[in-house]
């Protein structure tokens, strides 16, 4: 069979002997090469395709928002009568203790410094709501707006109220002198074995 007829036939009608013969094989190979070469410019290589996908992903990558976290630790107590006064109350409104702190001290650290039972399971990393407290209505507007991270944790707090804040994120300022901080009746703690967090 002439080579030009062999290349014109569909593959399914080519006999086994046709493929084994040298002339048709060379003709078939050349035809295949021409087809492949004619399609190469239209078919991007895998590396180019991968690069395009990577570039697209890099272009569409969203920035990650991270709020600053207020850390707490050991405090220096002010001289009596010179600090900012805070009144801690229990869930029923009874006074637990009146303490004094310095500007910049946070409520959670002050509670631990004065042995007030306010938990802080995540150590002020904004990963729990165990230091949830209620702030007096007149002092609440004097606080900075809670960050997105704090709001996320407050959404999980037990007994969330209009004046709820996380104690680890409330820092004292002179304007907060005389503020009352009330503890909730319960907290949602990440610990399930009764373990109490260590005072910081």
Protein backbone atom coordinates (compact mmCIF):
# COMPACT_ATOMS: atom_id res chain seq x y z
CA UNK A 1 0.00 0.00 0.00
CA UNK A 2 1.44 3.39 -0.95
CA UNK A 3 2.56 5.54 2.02
CA UNK A 4 0.27 8.42 1.12
CA UNK A 5 -2.75 6.13 1.37
CA UNK A 6 -1.62 4.75 4.70
CA UNK A 7 -1.49 8.20 6.31
CA UNK A 8 -4.92 9.04 5.00
CA UNK A 9 -6.58 6.04 6.64
CA UNK A 10 -7.98 6.21 10.19
CA UNK A 11 -5.87 4.48 12.79
CA UNK A 12 -8.51 1.84 13.52
CA UNK A 13 -8.27 0.37 9.98
CA UNK A 14 -4.49 0.05 9.89
CA UNK A 15 -3.42 -3.54 10.09
CA UNK A 16 -0.76 -4.79 12.44
CA UNK A 17 1.52 -5.49 9.51
CA UNK A 18 1.13 -1.91 8.38
CA UNK A 19 2.50 -0.65 11.70
CA UNK A 20 5.34 -3.09 11.53
CA UNK A 21 6.37 -2.10 8.05
CA UNK A 22 9.09 0.51 7.91
CA UNK A 23 7.75 2.88 5.29
CA UNK A 24 4.30 3.44 6.80
CA UNK A 25 5.86 3.78 10.26
CA UNK A 26 8.15 6.57 9.08
CA UNK A 27 5.22 8.21 7.33
CA UNK A 28 3.02 7.88 10.39
CA UNK A 29 5.77 9.26 12.61
CA UNK A 30 6.28 12.25 10.34
CA UNK A 31 2.54 12.90 10.29
CA UNK A 32 2.41 12.66 14.06
CA UNK A 33 5.33 15.04 14.32
CA UNK A 34 3.61 17.56 12.05
CA UNK A 35 0.41 17.38 14.09
CA UNK A 36 2.31 17.78 17.34
CA UNK A 37 4.32 20.72 16.04
CA UNK A 38 1.23 22.44 14.71
CA UNK A 39 -0.43 22.22 18.12
CA UNK A 40 2.51 23.16 20.31
CA UNK A 41 2.09 26.95 20.02
CA UNK A 42 -1.52 26.63 21.17
CA UNK A 43 -0.82 24.39 24.14
CA UNK A 44 1.07 26.10 27.01
CA UNK A 45 3.61 24.00 28.80
CA UNK A 46 2.84 22.73 32.29
CA UNK A 47 5.50 24.99 33.77
CA UNK A 48 3.89 28.07 32.23
CA UNK A 49 0.48 26.93 33.38
CA UNK A 50 1.77 26.37 36.90
CA UNK A 51 3.39 29.81 36.85
CA UNK A 52 0.14 31.43 35.72
CA UNK A 53 -1.76 29.70 38.53
CA UNK A 54 0.84 30.75 41.08
CA UNK A 55 0.73 34.34 39.88
CA UNK A 56 -3.06 34.33 40.08
CA UNK A 57 -3.01 32.98 43.61
CA UNK A 58 -0.40 35.52 44.66
CA UNK A 59 -2.49 38.31 43.18
CA UNK A 60 -5.63 37.18 44.95
CA UNK A 61 -4.07 36.43 48.32
CA UNK A 62 -5.81 38.39 51.06
CA UNK A 63 -3.90 40.13 53.78
CA UNK A 64 -4.14 38.66 57.26
CA UNK A 65 -5.41 41.06 59.86
CA UNK A 66 -3.76 40.85 63.22
CA UNK A 67 -4.81 42.91 66.21
CA UNK A 68 -2.32 43.87 68.86
CA UNK A 69 -2.57 41.85 72.05
CA UNK A 70 -2.18 43.40 75.47
CA UNK A 71 0.09 41.17 77.53
CA UNK A 72 0.01 41.22 81.30
CA UNK A 73 2.41 40.28 84.03
CA UNK A 74 3.68 41.36 87.44
CA UNK A 75 2.63 44.83 88.52
CA UNK A 76 4.08 47.54 90.70
CA UNK A 77 1.52 48.68 93.21
CA UNK A 78 1.14 52.44 93.52
CA UNK A 79 1.52 54.18 96.85
CA UNK A 80 -1.83 54.23 98.68
CA UNK A 81 -3.99 57.14 97.56
CA UNK A 82 -1.96 57.83 94.40
CA UNK A 83 -3.33 55.23 92.00
CA UNK A 84 -6.43 54.80 89.86
CA UNK A 85 -9.24 53.25 91.89
CA UNK A 86 -11.16 50.20 90.65
CA UNK A 87 -14.01 48.50 92.49
CA UNK A 88 -14.39 44.77 91.83
CA UNK A 89 -17.85 43.29 92.41
CA UNK A 90 -19.18 39.75 92.23
CA UNK A 91 -21.97 38.55 89.96
CA UNK A 92 -24.62 39.71 92.45
CA UNK A 93 -23.18 43.21 92.76
CA UNK A 94 -21.55 42.78 96.16
CA UNK A 95 -18.19 44.49 96.59
CA UNK A 96 -15.26 42.08 96.51
CA UNK A 97 -12.39 44.51 96.87
CA UNK A 98 -11.37 48.06 96.02
CA UNK A 99 -7.88 48.31 94.61
CA UNK A 100 -5.57 50.91 93.10
CA UNK A 101 -3.58 50.53 89.92
CA UNK A 102 -1.26 52.51 87.69
CA UNK A 103 -2.06 53.94 84.30
CA UNK A 104 -1.62 51.20 81.72
CA UNK A 105 -2.37 48.32 84.09
CA UNK A 106 -5.02 45.95 82.78
CA UNK A 107 -7.98 44.60 84.72
CA UNK A 108 -6.92 40.95 84.52
CA UNK A 109 -3.44 41.64 85.91
CA UNK A 110 -4.90 43.78 88.68
CA UNK A 111 -7.34 41.03 89.62
CA UNK A 112 -4.56 38.45 89.86
CA UNK A 113 -2.29 40.84 91.74
CA UNK A 114 -4.97 41.29 94.40
CA UNK A 115 -6.17 37.65 94.50
CA UNK A 116 -9.51 38.33 92.86
CA UNK A 117 -10.94 35.23 91.20
CA UNK A 118 -10.87 36.32 87.56
CA UNK A 119 -9.62 33.64 85.20
CA UNK A 120 -7.16 34.17 82.39
CA UNK A 121 -6.79 30.78 80.77
CA UNK A 122 -5.14 31.97 77.54
CA UNK A 123 -2.76 34.40 79.30
CA UNK A 124 -4.10 37.45 77.46
CA UNK A 125 -3.49 36.02 73.99
CA UNK A 126 -7.10 36.68 72.94
CA UNK A 127 -7.81 32.96 72.62
CA UNK A 128 -10.53 32.64 75.27
CA UNK A 129 -13.22 34.62 77.08
CA UNK A 130 -12.45 33.61 80.66
CA UNK A 131 -11.55 37.16 81.77
CA UNK A 132 -14.94 38.48 80.62
CA UNK A 133 -16.21 41.31 82.87
CA UNK A 134 -18.91 43.98 82.90
CA UNK A 135 -17.85 47.62 83.02
CA UNK A 136 -20.02 50.38 84.48
CA UNK A 137 -22.07 52.14 81.76
CA UNK A 138 -20.58 55.58 82.46
CA UNK A 139 -17.04 54.29 82.00
CA UNK A 140 -17.65 52.03 79.02
CA UNK A 141 -17.60 54.88 76.43
CA UNK A 142 -14.21 55.98 77.79
CA UNK A 143 -12.61 52.72 76.66
CA UNK A 144 -11.12 52.22 73.20
CA UNK A 145 -13.26 50.24 70.80
CA UNK A 146 -12.66 46.48 71.13
CA UNK A 147 -10.59 44.92 68.37
CA UNK A 148 -12.00 42.32 66.00
CA UNK A 149 -10.15 39.61 67.91
CA UNK A 150 -11.64 40.73 71.21
CA UNK A 151 -15.13 40.84 69.71
CA UNK A 152 -14.66 37.31 68.40
CA UNK A 153 -13.88 36.08 71.91
CA UNK A 154 -16.68 38.10 73.48
CA UNK A 155 -19.12 36.35 71.16
CA UNK A 156 -18.26 33.14 73.02
CA UNK A 157 -18.50 34.66 76.50
CA UNK A 158 -21.09 33.43 78.97
CA UNK A 159 -23.74 36.07 79.69
CA UNK A 160 -22.56 38.57 77.09
CA UNK A 161 -23.98 42.02 77.82
CA UNK A 162 -24.01 45.52 76.42
CA UNK A 163 -21.06 46.58 78.58
CA UNK A 164 -19.00 43.39 78.33
CA UNK A 165 -15.24 43.55 77.80
CA UNK A 166 -12.28 41.24 78.24
CA UNK A 167 -10.37 42.23 81.35
CA UNK A 168 -7.00 41.59 79.72
CA UNK A 169 -7.74 44.29 77.13
CA UNK A 170 -9.02 47.01 79.49
CA UNK A 171 -6.16 49.32 80.49
CA UNK A 172 -6.46 51.92 83.20
CA UNK A 173 -6.43 55.61 82.39
CA UNK A 174 -7.01 58.53 84.78
CA UNK A 175 -10.52 58.93 83.30
CA UNK A 176 -11.42 55.45 84.58
CA UNK A 177 -10.80 56.34 88.23
CA UNK A 178 -13.65 54.92 90.33
CA UNK A 179 -14.71 52.39 87.69
CA UNK A 180 -16.65 49.34 88.81
CA UNK A 181 -15.86 45.96 87.29
CA UNK A 182 -18.40 43.21 87.83
CA UNK A 183 -17.61 39.53 87.37
CA UNK A 184 -20.07 37.28 85.49
CA UNK A 185 -21.77 34.38 87.24
CA UNK A 186 -19.85 31.87 85.11
CA UNK A 187 -17.21 31.64 82.39
CA UNK A 188 -16.63 29.32 79.47
CA UNK A 189 -13.22 27.85 80.22
CA UNK A 190 -11.16 25.85 77.76
CA UNK A 191 -10.20 23.51 80.63
CA UNK A 192 -12.52 20.58 81.24
CA UNK A 193 -10.65 18.84 84.07
CA UNK A 194 -11.17 21.48 86.74
CA UNK A 195 -7.67 22.90 86.30
CA UNK A 196 -7.27 26.51 87.39
CA UNK A 197 -4.94 28.82 85.46
CA UNK A 198 -1.91 30.07 87.29
CA UNK A 199 -1.93 33.69 88.38
CA UNK A 200 0.33 35.82 86.23
